């Protein structure tokens, strides 16, 4: 598989990811894909030819190998990396869709210069709205795929250890034969290393989920607080204005009452 083209596809996702997402992508390529391509493939290169049984019965070696190793580590890791990275392509497609809509709106508005189109192409999309949900779903699927493959490894290879000697009595073996695995210690070390890195990726994905939820909650918190404070101060201000109006009405009544006796007395004097 051409892992360089695979990295080129996911490089666009790295531009629109969070800081934790960039760390996850770096761990994925440095500690998993590079180790798989550079070292692990050479370690498991002779897994079939190095599997030897103490019998000359034709077909016994192949049957016993298939019984104890139903799928190669290399192929299982390659499948795991593809499935784990696939949800990130959802984010890339969502970002491409949003950019296409923005370019279309820009062209309809008559501002379709090459500079504006290039700016839309290079800008970093904020993880908000529908893109937030797409990003969150992709991270959750990454966690599920990682956990599922770790469980599959545990089912196929109990204890995550490569055994040195296996006993096989499957047909066409004439009896129970001993079969020996090549370089079991080295394969065990690589298996544990890859599983530990997979566990680190799960922790990074969980941390990214917590970060996205926490960031969204903190963004909505000041808005609600400012709205509640505005309502409180507005209520206090309206109460203050109402009290002031009531006081003015009361003062006007008192002044009117004080003026009435004097005016009556003046009227009486003028009548006299």
Protein backbone atom coordinates (compact mmCIF):
# COMPACT_ATOMS: atom_id res chain seq x y z
CA UNK A 1 0.00 0.00 0.00
CA UNK A 2 1.19 3.52 -0.82
CA UNK A 3 1.22 5.15 2.60
CA UNK A 4 2.60 8.44 1.19
CA UNK A 5 -0.59 9.06 -0.79
CA UNK A 6 -2.58 8.07 2.28
CA UNK A 7 -0.75 10.75 4.28
CA UNK A 8 -1.38 13.32 1.55
CA UNK A 9 -5.12 12.67 1.81
CA UNK A 10 -5.15 13.15 5.58
CA UNK A 11 -2.86 16.19 5.58
CA UNK A 12 -5.89 18.37 4.80
CA UNK A 13 -7.59 17.08 7.94
CA UNK A 14 -4.58 18.12 10.01
CA UNK A 15 -5.09 21.76 8.99
CA UNK A 16 -8.63 21.82 10.36
CA UNK A 17 -8.03 19.74 13.48
CA UNK A 18 -7.57 20.73 17.10
CA UNK A 19 -4.16 20.66 18.78
CA UNK A 20 -4.87 17.20 20.21
CA UNK A 21 -6.00 16.03 16.77
CA UNK A 22 -2.66 17.09 15.27
CA UNK A 23 -0.81 15.17 17.99
CA UNK A 24 -2.96 12.09 17.22
CA UNK A 25 -2.16 12.30 13.52
CA UNK A 26 1.58 12.65 14.25
CA UNK A 27 1.52 9.62 16.53
CA UNK A 28 -0.42 7.68 13.89
CA UNK A 29 2.15 8.26 11.16
CA UNK A 30 5.39 8.28 13.15
CA UNK A 31 4.82 5.50 15.67
CA UNK A 32 2.44 3.29 13.71
CA UNK A 33 2.68 3.64 9.95
CA UNK A 34 6.45 4.25 9.85
CA UNK A 35 7.12 1.42 12.29
CA UNK A 36 4.80 -0.83 10.29
CA UNK A 37 6.50 -0.01 6.97
CA UNK A 38 10.12 0.16 8.11
CA UNK A 39 10.41 -2.56 10.75
CA UNK A 40 7.31 -4.69 11.25
CA UNK A 41 6.96 -5.85 7.64
CA UNK A 42 10.52 -7.17 7.65
CA UNK A 43 9.96 -8.96 10.98
CA UNK A 44 6.86 -10.76 9.69
CA UNK A 45 8.26 -11.27 6.20
CA UNK A 46 9.16 -14.92 6.86
CA UNK A 47 6.24 -15.83 9.09
CA UNK A 48 4.95 -18.50 6.67
CA UNK A 49 8.30 -19.89 5.59
CA UNK A 50 9.65 -19.82 9.16
CA UNK A 51 6.71 -21.80 10.53
CA UNK A 52 8.10 -25.36 10.66
CA UNK A 53 6.38 -28.55 11.85
CA UNK A 54 8.20 -31.80 12.63
CA UNK A 55 6.46 -33.76 9.89
CA UNK A 56 6.85 -34.27 6.17
CA UNK A 57 3.13 -34.73 5.56
CA UNK A 58 2.12 -32.48 2.60
CA UNK A 59 -0.23 -29.70 3.61
CA UNK A 60 0.25 -30.12 7.36
CA UNK A 61 2.34 -26.95 7.73
CA UNK A 62 -0.21 -24.82 5.86
CA UNK A 63 -3.17 -26.19 7.78
CA UNK A 64 -1.52 -25.71 11.17
CA UNK A 65 -0.36 -22.19 10.28
CA UNK A 66 -3.88 -21.22 9.23
CA UNK A 67 -5.30 -22.68 12.45
CA UNK A 68 -3.07 -20.70 14.80
CA UNK A 69 -2.62 -17.54 12.68
CA UNK A 70 -5.93 -16.92 10.87
CA UNK A 71 -4.80 -13.41 9.82
CA UNK A 72 -1.37 -11.88 9.58
CA UNK A 73 -0.39 -9.18 12.04
CA UNK A 74 0.71 -6.90 9.20
CA UNK A 75 -2.59 -7.19 7.32
CA UNK A 76 -4.60 -6.74 10.51
CA UNK A 77 -2.63 -3.62 11.44
CA UNK A 78 -3.01 -2.24 7.91
CA UNK A 79 -6.78 -2.82 8.08
CA UNK A 80 -6.88 -1.18 11.51
CA UNK A 81 -5.01 1.93 10.32
CA UNK A 82 -7.29 2.29 7.30
CA UNK A 83 -10.50 1.98 9.32
CA UNK A 84 -9.23 4.24 12.12
CA UNK A 85 -8.22 6.94 9.63
CA UNK A 86 -11.39 6.72 7.52
CA UNK A 87 -13.60 8.78 9.94
CA UNK A 88 -11.13 11.66 9.54
CA UNK A 89 -12.02 11.73 5.85
CA UNK A 90 -15.57 12.70 6.85
CA UNK A 91 -14.17 15.93 8.27
CA UNK A 92 -12.18 16.54 5.09
CA UNK A 93 -15.29 16.03 2.93
CA UNK A 94 -17.36 18.33 5.17
CA UNK A 95 -14.71 21.06 4.95
CA UNK A 96 -14.53 20.66 1.17
CA UNK A 97 -18.33 20.96 0.97
CA UNK A 98 -18.34 24.17 3.03
CA UNK A 99 -15.60 25.67 0.89
CA UNK A 100 -17.54 24.78 -2.26
CA UNK A 101 -20.63 26.56 -0.89
CA UNK A 102 -18.59 29.63 0.09
CA UNK A 103 -17.01 29.80 -3.36
CA UNK A 104 -20.44 29.50 -4.97
CA UNK A 105 -21.80 32.33 -2.81
CA UNK A 106 -18.75 34.44 -3.59
CA UNK A 107 -19.22 33.94 -7.33
CA UNK A 108 -22.90 34.84 -7.14
CA UNK A 109 -22.08 38.02 -5.25
CA UNK A 110 -19.67 39.09 -7.99
CA UNK A 111 -16.46 38.83 -5.91
CA UNK A 112 -14.94 35.86 -7.69
CA UNK A 113 -11.38 37.10 -7.96
CA UNK A 114 -8.56 34.60 -7.78
CA UNK A 115 -7.32 36.16 -4.53
CA UNK A 116 -10.67 35.69 -2.82
CA UNK A 117 -10.97 32.10 -4.03
CA UNK A 118 -7.44 31.33 -2.85
CA UNK A 119 -8.21 32.86 0.54
CA UNK A 120 -11.23 30.58 0.92
CA UNK A 121 -9.09 27.60 -0.04
CA UNK A 122 -6.38 28.38 2.51
CA UNK A 123 -8.51 29.53 5.43
CA UNK A 124 -8.89 27.31 8.48
CA UNK A 125 -12.45 26.30 9.23
CA UNK A 126 -13.68 26.81 12.78
CA UNK A 127 -15.06 23.67 14.40
CA UNK A 128 -18.55 24.98 15.06
CA UNK A 129 -22.10 24.10 14.06
CA UNK A 130 -22.50 21.09 11.80
CA UNK A 131 -18.71 20.70 11.45
CA UNK A 132 -18.49 20.27 15.24
CA UNK A 133 -20.88 17.32 15.07
CA UNK A 134 -19.03 15.78 12.12
CA UNK A 135 -15.72 16.13 13.94
CA UNK A 136 -17.15 14.68 17.15
CA UNK A 137 -18.67 11.69 15.34
CA UNK A 138 -15.37 11.00 13.57
CA UNK A 139 -13.45 11.01 16.87
CA UNK A 140 -16.00 8.68 18.49
CA UNK A 141 -15.75 6.24 15.58
CA UNK A 142 -11.95 6.31 15.88
CA UNK A 143 -12.26 5.29 19.53
CA UNK A 144 -14.67 2.47 18.68
CA UNK A 145 -12.46 1.11 15.88
CA UNK A 146 -9.35 1.20 18.05
CA UNK A 147 -11.07 -0.60 20.91
CA UNK A 148 -12.62 -3.18 18.55
CA UNK A 149 -9.25 -4.08 16.99
CA UNK A 150 -7.58 -4.37 20.38
CA UNK A 151 -10.31 -6.82 21.37
CA UNK A 152 -9.84 -8.75 18.10
CA UNK A 153 -6.11 -9.01 18.81
CA UNK A 154 -6.89 -10.34 22.27
CA UNK A 155 -9.26 -12.97 20.86
CA UNK A 156 -6.84 -14.17 18.18
CA UNK A 157 -3.67 -13.97 20.26
CA UNK A 158 -4.54 -14.40 23.98
CA UNK A 159 -2.26 -12.37 26.19
CA UNK A 160 -0.87 -10.56 23.12
CA UNK A 161 2.08 -12.95 23.15
CA UNK A 162 3.61 -14.87 20.29
CA UNK A 163 3.95 -18.50 21.39
CA UNK A 164 7.12 -20.44 20.56
CA UNK A 165 5.65 -23.90 20.16
CA UNK A 166 2.18 -24.99 19.05
CA UNK A 167 0.73 -28.48 18.89
CA UNK A 168 -1.45 -29.27 15.91
CA UNK A 169 -3.55 -32.34 15.14
CA UNK A 170 -5.60 -30.97 12.24
CA UNK A 171 -6.07 -33.02 9.08
CA UNK A 172 -3.98 -34.00 7.06
CA UNK A 173 -1.41 -34.21 9.89
CA UNK A 174 -0.92 -37.93 10.76
CA UNK A 175 -0.88 -37.22 14.51
CA UNK A 176 -0.25 -34.40 16.96
CA UNK A 177 2.78 -32.56 15.64
CA UNK A 178 4.96 -29.82 17.09
CA UNK A 179 5.21 -26.58 15.11
CA UNK A 180 7.74 -23.84 15.79
CA UNK A 181 7.26 -20.09 15.23
CA UNK A 182 10.16 -18.00 13.93
CA UNK A 183 11.39 -15.07 16.08
CA UNK A 184 8.58 -15.19 18.67
CA UNK A 185 10.25 -12.77 21.13
CA UNK A 186 10.81 -10.08 18.50
CA UNK A 187 7.24 -10.43 17.26
CA UNK A 188 5.92 -10.19 20.82
CA UNK A 189 7.84 -6.94 21.38
CA UNK A 190 6.46 -5.40 18.20
CA UNK A 191 2.93 -6.55 19.04
CA UNK A 192 3.04 -4.99 22.51
CA UNK A 193 4.55 -1.78 21.11
CA UNK A 194 1.82 -1.41 18.49
CA UNK A 195 -0.90 -2.11 21.04
CA UNK A 196 0.55 0.43 23.48
CA UNK A 197 0.60 3.08 20.75
CA UNK A 198 -2.99 2.13 19.92
CA UNK A 199 -3.89 2.68 23.58
CA UNK A 200 -2.18 6.09 23.50
CA UNK A 201 -4.26 6.98 20.43
CA UNK A 202 -7.44 6.00 22.31
CA UNK A 203 -6.45 8.28 25.21
CA UNK A 204 -5.75 11.14 22.80
CA UNK A 205 -9.14 10.66 21.16
CA UNK A 206 -10.90 10.63 24.54
CA UNK A 207 -9.00 13.79 25.53
CA UNK A 208 -10.09 15.42 22.27
CA UNK A 209 -13.75 14.58 22.96
CA UNK A 210 -13.46 16.09 26.45
CA UNK A 211 -11.72 19.16 25.02
CA UNK A 212 -14.40 19.74 22.37
CA UNK A 213 -17.26 19.39 24.85
CA UNK A 214 -15.54 21.57 27.47
CA UNK A 215 -14.70 24.27 24.93
CA UNK A 216 -18.29 24.35 23.68
CA UNK A 217 -19.66 24.58 27.23
CA UNK A 218 -17.30 27.43 28.13
CA UNK A 219 -18.26 29.30 24.97
CA UNK A 220 -21.97 29.08 25.76
CA UNK A 221 -21.49 29.93 29.46
CA UNK A 222 -20.53 33.65 29.07
CA UNK A 223 -23.46 34.20 26.71
CA UNK A 224 -25.93 32.83 29.23
CA UNK A 225 -24.28 34.76 32.07
CA UNK A 226 -24.30 38.02 30.10
CA UNK A 227 -27.92 37.42 29.17
CA UNK A 228 -28.91 36.77 32.78
CA UNK A 229 -26.93 39.80 33.98
CA UNK A 230 -28.53 41.95 31.32
CA UNK A 231 -31.97 40.79 32.38
CA UNK A 232 -31.15 41.43 36.05
CA UNK A 233 -29.79 44.92 35.47
CA UNK A 234 -32.62 45.71 33.07
CA UNK A 235 -35.12 44.69 35.71
CA UNK A 236 -33.33 46.80 38.32
CA UNK A 237 -33.19 49.76 35.95
CA UNK A 238 -36.88 49.50 35.09
CA UNK A 239 -37.73 49.22 38.80
CA UNK A 240 -35.62 52.28 39.52
CA UNK A 241 -37.31 54.26 36.75
CA UNK A 242 -40.74 53.23 37.95
CA UNK A 243 -39.91 54.30 41.50
CA UNK A 244 -38.64 57.60 40.18
CA UNK A 245 -41.83 58.16 38.17
CA UNK A 246 -43.96 57.31 41.20
CA UNK A 247 -41.95 59.78 43.29
CA UNK A 248 -42.45 62.52 40.70
CA UNK A 249 -46.19 61.88 40.62
CA UNK A 250 -46.32 62.01 44.41
CA UNK A 251 -44.35 65.26 44.50
CA UNK A 252 -46.61 66.83 41.91
CA UNK A 253 -49.65 65.90 43.96
CA UNK A 254 -48.15 67.37 47.11
CA UNK A 255 -47.21 70.60 45.33
CA UNK A 256 -50.71 70.83 43.84
CA UNK A 257 -52.22 70.38 47.27
CA UNK A 258 -50.03 73.13 48.70
CA UNK A 259 -50.92 75.51 45.91
CA UNK A 260 -54.69 75.01 46.15
CA UNK A 261 -55.24 76.63 49.60
CA UNK A 262 -53.38 79.76 48.59
CA UNK A 263 -55.30 80.12 45.36
CA UNK A 264 -58.62 79.75 47.20
CA UNK A 265 -57.61 82.43 49.68
CA UNK A 266 -56.64 84.76 46.88
CA UNK A 267 -59.93 84.16 45.17
CA UNK A 268 -61.83 85.04 48.33
CA UNK A 269 -59.84 88.22 48.82
CA UNK A 270 -60.48 89.33 45.28
CA UNK A 271 -64.16 88.70 45.76
CA UNK A 272 -64.21 90.93 48.81
